[in-house]
Amino acid sequence: MSRGKFLTACFVHLYEMDGRQLLLSYKRLGYRTHHNLYIAMLTYHKIFKATNNLSICLSNPEPIAACNDEFLLRLTEAKNKGELHEAKVSILKDFQTIYAFDVTDAEFPEPVGHFSKKQGEDGFLQEKREFVKKRILLQDVWFYLGNTFGEYHVYKINTEGSLPVIEGKRLAINYREIYCKALEDYVETIRNGNKHAIAASFILPALIEQSLGMTLQNRMLRKCMAGVKELSEEESKLLTPFHGESHIFYGSEEYIMGKVYKLFVRKGVLKDSPDNEIILTGSSRRKRRTLGGLISSRYAKEEMLPEYYELMKDIFIKLNIRNCIMHGLGESFDYLDRGIAAIMFQLLWDISGGEVFQAEV
């Protein structure tokens, strides 16, 4: 049998498998051999079509079911936190492979509507191309990650009776209370089989920003404190409140952090830049800390695992999910869909658990 016919036979066989059969096949063929075939199967030719309400639908989604079954099994078969973390990272990595292929291969209807550039002008084709890439990304995010994490959360509720509870710090705002409201809405949506997690969708972006901002600030603080040398008595007193392994601080310019930032810059352990100043103090040159600003910062890219960084960038920068939810943008897609909330919950849990970040040295 020729190599081409062999691969075709393998692909047909893989399409017909459910997730558990795929996992057993991994064990028989060896992970790398089967995984290469599996990724080849994932990158099938997608055909997107326009609907009457100007939204986009995938006309041939059938192969995605087997893929999501296998993704789900990676999560449910994990025996400990380490294996679960590896499973999530592998899913995010495979998702990037899928999207990269779809951008170059998928059929997509001719975009219609208003563009900033007119036909024939420089940049017109590029603008249309970026529009198509964004729409494909939105579809892929929902089909793969939204469904996979959504089904995993259903599994957790059915097997354990609950989803994670985050012990948020009691600051001026009780973030734990806000989190519980979002979680109650999400769980009720799952148990009732509803399509929309409305309250959770509006709450989650703020919780993700708060958790990401706090974690990045504390990582920067600890790293700089470990590197700073030859402090005067006054400088040592300035840093005294921040000593301790379990200390969590989420201060702003108005509380001492401005002085701490200047000290770190003066001692040469931190580069003077708007991004660094915003992360450590909360503001820089009249700009305030925002979720988009945090994700776009060089420091966030250095501190986060690349798979999680790309997902955060996809969700909150490229797709602009937060503003779409808050301001009603993008009427041609349902941004309150439970699948989008599932992705944001998983991100929040993984940020709070430290899974999205590189190991601290």
Protein backbone atom coordinates (compact mmCIF):
# COMPACT_ATOMS: atom_id res chain seq x y z
CA MET A 1 0.00 0.00 0.00
CA SER A 2 1.33 3.43 -0.89
CA ARG A 3 2.08 5.93 1.89
CA GLY A 4 -0.72 8.19 0.66
CA LYS A 5 -3.31 5.39 0.74
CA PHE A 6 -2.05 4.28 4.15
CA LEU A 7 -2.49 7.78 5.61
CA THR A 8 -5.93 8.10 4.04
CA ALA A 9 -6.96 4.78 5.59
CA CYS A 10 -5.62 5.94 8.94
CA PHE A 11 -7.55 9.21 8.72
CA VAL A 12 -10.81 7.40 7.92
CA HIS A 13 -10.17 5.07 10.84
CA LEU A 14 -9.47 7.96 13.19
CA TYR A 15 -12.59 9.86 12.10
CA GLU A 16 -14.68 6.85 13.13
CA MET A 17 -13.17 6.61 16.61
CA ASP A 18 -14.55 8.16 19.75
CA GLY A 19 -12.24 9.72 22.33
CA ARG A 20 -11.58 6.54 24.34
CA GLN A 21 -10.69 4.57 21.22
CA LEU A 22 -8.28 7.35 20.24
CA LEU A 23 -6.60 7.11 23.64
CA LEU A 24 -6.22 3.32 23.35
CA SER A 25 -4.84 3.79 19.84
CA TYR A 26 -2.22 6.17 21.26
CA LYS A 27 -1.04 3.37 23.54
CA ARG A 28 -0.83 0.82 20.70
CA LEU A 29 0.92 2.96 18.09
CA GLY A 30 2.94 5.13 20.42
CA TYR A 31 2.03 8.69 21.28
CA ARG A 32 4.22 10.51 18.76
CA THR A 33 3.27 8.38 15.75
CA HIS A 34 -0.43 8.53 16.50
CA HIS A 35 -0.30 12.17 17.50
CA ASN A 36 1.22 13.16 14.16
CA LEU A 37 -1.60 11.33 12.37
CA TYR A 38 -4.10 12.87 14.74
CA ILE A 39 -2.91 16.41 14.07
CA ALA A 40 -3.09 15.68 10.35
CA MET A 41 -6.69 14.62 10.89
CA LEU A 42 -7.45 17.78 12.86
CA THR A 43 -6.31 19.97 10.01
CA TYR A 44 -9.14 19.03 7.70
CA HIS A 45 -10.55 21.36 5.05
CA LYS A 46 -13.25 23.50 6.68
CA ILE A 47 -16.01 25.23 4.71
CA PHE A 48 -17.53 28.32 6.33
CA LYS A 49 -20.75 29.79 4.99
CA ALA A 50 -22.66 33.02 5.63
CA THR A 51 -26.13 32.90 7.16
CA ASN A 52 -29.07 35.21 6.57
CA ASN A 53 -28.35 37.19 9.76
CA LEU A 54 -24.76 37.99 8.61
CA SER A 55 -23.18 35.49 10.99
CA ILE A 56 -20.84 32.68 9.92
CA CYS A 57 -21.39 28.95 10.34
CA LEU A 58 -19.21 25.91 9.67
CA SER A 59 -20.94 23.64 7.18
CA ASN A 60 -18.82 20.54 7.88
CA PRO A 61 -18.11 20.41 11.64
CA GLU A 62 -18.42 16.62 12.04
CA PRO A 63 -14.71 15.75 12.52
CA ILE A 64 -14.47 18.21 15.42
CA ALA A 65 -16.49 15.88 17.67
CA ALA A 66 -13.77 13.19 17.70
CA CYS A 67 -11.13 15.82 18.37
CA ASN A 68 -13.04 17.28 21.32
CA ASP A 69 -13.66 13.79 22.70
CA GLU A 70 -9.93 13.20 22.73
CA PHE A 71 -9.25 16.62 24.27
CA LEU A 72 -11.77 15.87 27.00
CA LEU A 73 -10.19 12.50 27.73
CA ARG A 74 -6.80 14.13 28.23
CA LEU A 75 -8.40 16.19 30.99
CA THR A 76 -10.51 13.47 32.61
CA GLU A 77 -7.78 10.80 32.48
CA ALA A 78 -5.23 13.02 34.27
CA LYS A 79 -4.26 11.39 37.59
CA ASN A 80 -2.88 14.46 39.36
CA LYS A 81 -2.45 18.22 39.04
CA GLY A 82 0.77 17.84 37.07
CA GLU A 83 -0.81 15.59 34.45
CA LEU A 84 -3.87 17.85 34.27
CA HIS A 85 -1.66 20.87 33.67
CA GLU A 86 0.22 19.05 30.90
CA ALA A 87 -3.10 18.03 29.34
CA LYS A 88 -4.33 21.63 29.25
CA VAL A 89 -1.09 22.92 27.78
CA SER A 90 -1.13 20.19 25.11
CA ILE A 91 -4.72 21.10 24.16
CA LEU A 92 -3.81 24.78 23.80
CA LYS A 93 -0.79 23.85 21.71
CA ASP A 94 -2.88 21.64 19.41
CA PHE A 95 -5.46 24.40 19.12
CA GLN A 96 -2.81 26.78 17.76
CA THR A 97 -1.87 24.13 15.18
CA ILE A 98 -5.50 23.79 14.12
CA TYR A 99 -6.03 27.54 13.82
CA ALA A 100 -2.79 28.12 11.91
CA PHE A 101 -3.92 25.54 9.35
CA ASP A 102 -7.48 26.87 9.08
CA VAL A 103 -6.26 30.40 8.39
CA THR A 104 -4.44 29.20 5.28
CA ASP A 105 -6.78 26.44 4.13
CA ALA A 106 -10.41 27.04 5.11
CA GLU A 107 -13.01 28.25 2.63
CA PHE A 108 -14.61 31.49 3.79
CA PRO A 109 -17.35 33.57 2.11
CA GLU A 110 -16.42 36.93 0.63
CA PRO A 111 -16.63 39.53 3.43
CA VAL A 112 -19.24 42.24 2.97
CA GLY A 113 -19.80 45.51 4.78
CA HIS A 114 -17.81 48.63 5.58
CA PHE A 115 -14.01 48.63 5.56
CA SER A 116 -11.78 51.58 6.37
CA LYS A 117 -9.95 51.08 3.08
CA LYS A 118 -11.70 51.21 -0.27
CA GLN A 119 -11.30 48.57 -2.94
CA GLY A 120 -8.13 49.25 -4.91
CA GLU A 121 -6.46 51.20 -2.09
CA ASP A 122 -3.30 49.97 -0.37
CA GLY A 123 -4.21 47.83 2.58
CA PHE A 124 -7.73 46.91 1.44
CA LEU A 125 -6.96 43.25 0.81
CA GLN A 126 -4.98 43.03 4.05
CA GLU A 127 -7.88 44.49 6.02
CA LYS A 128 -10.27 41.95 4.53
CA ARG A 129 -7.79 39.17 5.26
CA GLU A 130 -7.47 40.21 8.89
CA PHE A 131 -11.26 40.22 9.16
CA VAL A 132 -11.44 36.66 7.85
CA LYS A 133 -8.66 35.49 10.19
CA LYS A 134 -10.53 36.96 13.15
CA ARG A 135 -13.79 35.28 12.20
CA ILE A 136 -12.07 31.91 11.77
CA LEU A 137 -10.37 32.36 15.13
CA LEU A 138 -13.71 33.08 16.77
CA GLN A 139 -15.25 29.94 15.28
CA ASP A 140 -12.29 27.75 16.21
CA VAL A 141 -12.17 29.09 19.77
CA TRP A 142 -15.83 28.28 20.29
CA PHE A 143 -15.86 24.91 18.50
CA TYR A 144 -12.74 23.50 20.16
CA LEU A 145 -11.93 25.26 23.43
CA GLY A 146 -15.42 26.41 24.39
CA ASN A 147 -16.91 22.96 23.91
CA THR A 148 -13.99 21.08 25.44
CA PHE A 149 -13.70 23.13 28.63
CA GLY A 150 -17.49 23.37 28.87
CA GLU A 151 -17.85 19.59 28.77
CA TYR A 152 -14.99 19.22 31.26
CA HIS A 153 -16.80 21.49 33.72
CA VAL A 154 -19.98 19.43 33.29
CA TYR A 155 -17.89 16.34 34.04
CA LYS A 156 -16.47 17.98 37.19
CA ILE A 157 -19.95 18.86 38.44
CA ASN A 158 -21.26 15.36 37.77
CA THR A 159 -18.30 13.57 39.40
CA GLU A 160 -17.32 15.97 42.19
CA GLY A 161 -20.50 17.96 42.69
CA SER A 162 -18.85 21.37 42.34
CA LEU A 163 -16.33 23.58 40.55
CA PRO A 164 -13.27 25.29 42.11
CA VAL A 165 -13.80 28.05 44.65
CA ILE A 166 -11.21 30.82 44.64
CA GLU A 167 -10.26 32.36 47.97
CA GLY A 168 -10.02 35.92 46.71
CA LYS A 169 -8.33 38.54 48.87
CA ARG A 170 -10.64 40.89 50.77
CA LEU A 171 -9.57 44.26 49.46
CA ALA A 172 -11.77 47.35 49.22
CA ILE A 173 -13.90 45.13 46.98
CA ASN A 174 -14.71 41.59 48.10
CA TYR A 175 -13.66 39.70 44.95
CA ARG A 176 -14.61 36.35 46.47
CA GLU A 177 -18.23 37.48 46.72
CA ILE A 178 -18.16 38.60 43.10
CA TYR A 179 -16.60 35.29 42.05
CA CYS A 180 -19.29 33.30 43.88
CA LYS A 181 -22.00 35.23 42.02
CA ALA A 182 -20.38 34.35 38.69
CA LEU A 183 -19.92 30.71 39.67
CA GLU A 184 -23.53 30.35 40.85
CA ASP A 185 -24.77 31.73 37.53
CA TYR A 186 -22.50 29.41 35.53
CA VAL A 187 -23.42 26.26 37.48
CA GLU A 188 -27.12 27.08 37.27
CA THR A 189 -26.75 27.58 33.52
CA ILE A 190 -25.14 24.15 33.18
CA ARG A 191 -27.69 22.35 35.35
CA ASN A 192 -30.62 23.94 33.56
CA GLY A 193 -29.12 23.33 30.13
CA ASN A 194 -29.26 27.02 29.24
CA LYS A 195 -27.20 28.52 26.43
CA HIS A 196 -26.18 31.77 28.14
CA ALA A 197 -24.24 32.48 31.34
CA ILE A 198 -25.11 36.17 31.38
CA ALA A 199 -23.95 37.28 34.83
CA ALA A 200 -20.78 35.20 34.63
CA SER A 201 -19.93 36.62 31.20
CA PHE A 202 -20.02 40.19 32.50
CA ILE A 203 -18.15 39.43 35.73
CA LEU A 204 -15.33 37.17 34.52
CA PRO A 205 -13.24 39.69 32.52
CA ALA A 206 -12.95 41.90 35.62
CA LEU A 207 -11.92 38.94 37.79
CA ILE A 208 -9.34 37.84 35.23
CA GLU A 209 -7.89 41.36 35.09
CA GLN A 210 -7.70 41.56 38.88
CA SER A 211 -6.10 38.13 39.25
CA LEU A 212 -3.63 38.59 36.40
CA GLY A 213 -2.69 42.10 37.56
CA MET A 214 -2.14 40.97 41.14
CA THR A 215 -0.04 37.98 40.14
CA LEU A 216 2.16 39.90 37.68
CA GLN A 217 2.68 42.69 40.22
CA ASN A 218 3.75 40.25 42.93
CA ARG A 219 6.05 38.31 40.61
CA MET A 220 7.75 41.56 39.58
CA LEU A 221 7.98 42.66 43.20
CA ARG A 222 9.57 39.40 44.38
CA LYS A 223 11.99 39.24 41.47
CA CYS A 224 13.20 42.81 42.01
CA MET A 225 13.49 42.38 45.76
CA ALA A 226 15.67 39.32 45.23
CA GLY A 227 17.99 41.30 42.95
CA VAL A 228 18.30 44.60 44.80
CA LYS A 229 21.52 45.06 46.84
CA GLU A 230 23.17 47.58 49.17
CA LEU A 231 20.10 49.22 50.61
CA SER A 232 20.22 52.13 53.01
CA GLU A 233 18.26 51.93 56.26
CA GLU A 234 15.47 54.05 54.76
CA GLU A 235 15.34 51.91 51.62
CA SER A 236 15.20 48.71 53.69
CA LYS A 237 12.26 50.08 55.68
CA LEU A 238 10.48 50.86 52.43
CA LEU A 239 10.62 47.17 51.41
CA THR A 240 10.02 45.65 54.85
CA PRO A 241 6.21 45.28 54.41
CA PHE A 242 6.75 43.08 51.33
CA HIS A 243 8.93 40.38 52.91
CA GLY A 244 7.41 36.95 53.37
CA GLU A 245 6.79 34.09 50.95
CA SER A 246 3.00 34.11 51.27
CA HIS A 247 2.59 37.88 51.16
CA ILE A 248 0.17 39.13 48.53
CA PHE A 249 0.00 42.81 47.78
CA TYR A 250 -2.07 44.70 45.27
CA GLY A 251 -1.05 48.27 45.91
CA SER A 252 -1.27 51.34 43.73
CA GLU A 253 0.60 54.57 43.20
CA GLU A 254 -1.24 56.14 46.12
CA TYR A 255 0.15 53.53 48.54
CA ILE A 256 3.96 53.36 48.47
CA MET A 257 4.36 51.45 45.16
CA GLY A 258 5.49 54.58 43.33
CA LYS A 259 8.45 54.88 45.68
CA VAL A 260 9.20 51.17 45.36
CA TYR A 261 9.19 51.44 41.56
CA LYS A 262 11.62 54.37 41.62
CA LEU A 263 13.88 52.46 44.02
CA PHE A 264 14.03 49.42 41.74
CA VAL A 265 14.78 51.58 38.69
CA ARG A 266 17.46 53.50 40.58
CA LYS A 267 19.11 50.25 41.72
CA GLY A 268 19.13 48.88 38.18
CA VAL A 269 16.94 45.82 38.88
CA LEU A 270 13.99 47.08 36.80
CA LYS A 271 13.91 48.91 33.48
CA ASP A 272 12.09 52.23 33.50
CA SER A 273 9.21 51.70 31.07
CA PRO A 274 5.47 52.50 30.99
CA ASP A 275 4.62 48.77 30.96
CA ASN A 276 6.69 48.01 34.06
CA GLU A 277 5.39 51.06 35.89
CA ILE A 278 1.77 50.16 35.16
CA ILE A 279 2.25 46.57 36.35
CA LEU A 280 3.95 47.57 39.59
CA THR A 281 2.07 50.76 40.48
CA GLY A 282 -1.20 50.58 38.55
CA SER A 283 -0.63 53.68 36.43
CA SER A 284 1.88 55.45 34.20
CA ARG A 285 1.65 58.89 32.60
CA ARG A 286 -2.12 59.10 33.10
CA LYS A 287 -2.69 55.55 31.81
CA ARG A 288 -4.28 53.02 34.14
CA ARG A 289 -3.85 49.28 34.39
CA THR A 290 -6.20 47.45 31.99
CA LEU A 291 -6.57 43.83 30.95
CA GLY A 292 -5.45 44.55 27.39
CA GLY A 293 -2.48 46.54 28.62
CA LEU A 294 -1.41 43.74 30.96
CA ILE A 295 -1.57 41.09 28.25
CA SER A 296 0.21 43.29 25.69
CA SER A 297 3.11 44.05 28.04
CA ARG A 298 6.51 42.56 27.42
CA TYR A 299 6.68 41.44 31.04
CA ALA A 300 3.50 39.36 30.73
CA LYS A 301 4.86 37.65 27.63
CA GLU A 302 8.10 36.80 29.45
CA GLU A 303 6.33 35.52 32.57
CA MET A 304 3.53 33.47 30.98
CA LEU A 305 3.73 30.10 29.30
CA PRO A 306 3.48 30.70 25.53
CA GLU A 307 0.37 28.51 25.14
CA TYR A 308 -1.55 30.49 27.75
CA TYR A 309 -0.18 33.80 26.52
CA GLU A 310 -1.43 33.10 23.00
CA LEU A 311 -4.86 32.14 24.33
CA MET A 312 -5.11 35.32 26.41
CA LYS A 313 -4.05 37.37 23.40
CA ASP A 314 -6.54 35.58 21.16
CA ILE A 315 -9.46 36.06 23.54
CA PHE A 316 -8.90 39.58 24.84
CA ILE A 317 -6.78 41.30 22.16
CA LYS A 318 -7.62 39.79 18.77
CA LEU A 319 -11.26 38.94 19.53
CA ASN A 320 -11.69 41.79 22.03
CA ILE A 321 -14.12 39.63 24.01
CA ARG A 322 -14.29 41.97 26.99
CA ASN A 323 -15.42 45.00 25.00
CA CYS A 324 -17.75 42.89 22.89
CA ILE A 325 -19.50 41.77 26.08
CA MET A 326 -19.46 45.12 27.86
CA HIS A 327 -20.38 47.34 24.90
CA GLY A 328 -22.47 45.04 22.72
CA LEU A 329 -19.99 44.90 19.85
CA GLY A 330 -19.96 42.17 17.21
CA GLU A 331 -23.69 41.57 16.90
CA SER A 332 -23.12 38.68 14.49
CA PHE A 333 -21.77 36.40 17.25
CA ASP A 334 -23.26 35.44 20.62
CA TYR A 335 -20.55 36.53 23.06
CA LEU A 336 -22.69 35.51 26.04
CA ASP A 337 -22.56 31.87 24.93
CA ARG A 338 -21.72 29.46 27.74
CA GLY A 339 -18.69 28.19 25.83
CA ILE A 340 -17.01 31.61 26.03
CA ALA A 341 -17.72 31.72 29.78
CA ALA A 342 -16.20 28.22 30.11
CA ILE A 343 -12.92 29.42 28.57
CA MET A 344 -12.82 32.47 30.83
CA PHE A 345 -13.51 30.39 33.95
CA GLN A 346 -10.70 27.99 33.01
CA LEU A 347 -8.34 30.91 32.49
CA LEU A 348 -9.30 32.42 35.85
CA TRP A 349 -8.73 29.14 37.69
CA ASP A 350 -5.39 28.58 35.98
CA ILE A 351 -4.21 32.15 36.66
CA SER A 352 -5.17 31.81 40.33
CA GLY A 353 -3.43 28.43 40.52
CA GLY A 354 -0.25 29.77 38.90
CA GLU A 355 -0.53 27.40 35.93
CA VAL A 356 -0.33 30.06 33.25
CA PHE A 357 3.11 31.27 34.38
CA GLN A 358 6.69 30.17 33.92
CA ALA A 359 8.33 28.56 36.93
CA GLU A 360 9.88 31.17 39.21
CA VAL A 361 13.63 30.88 39.76
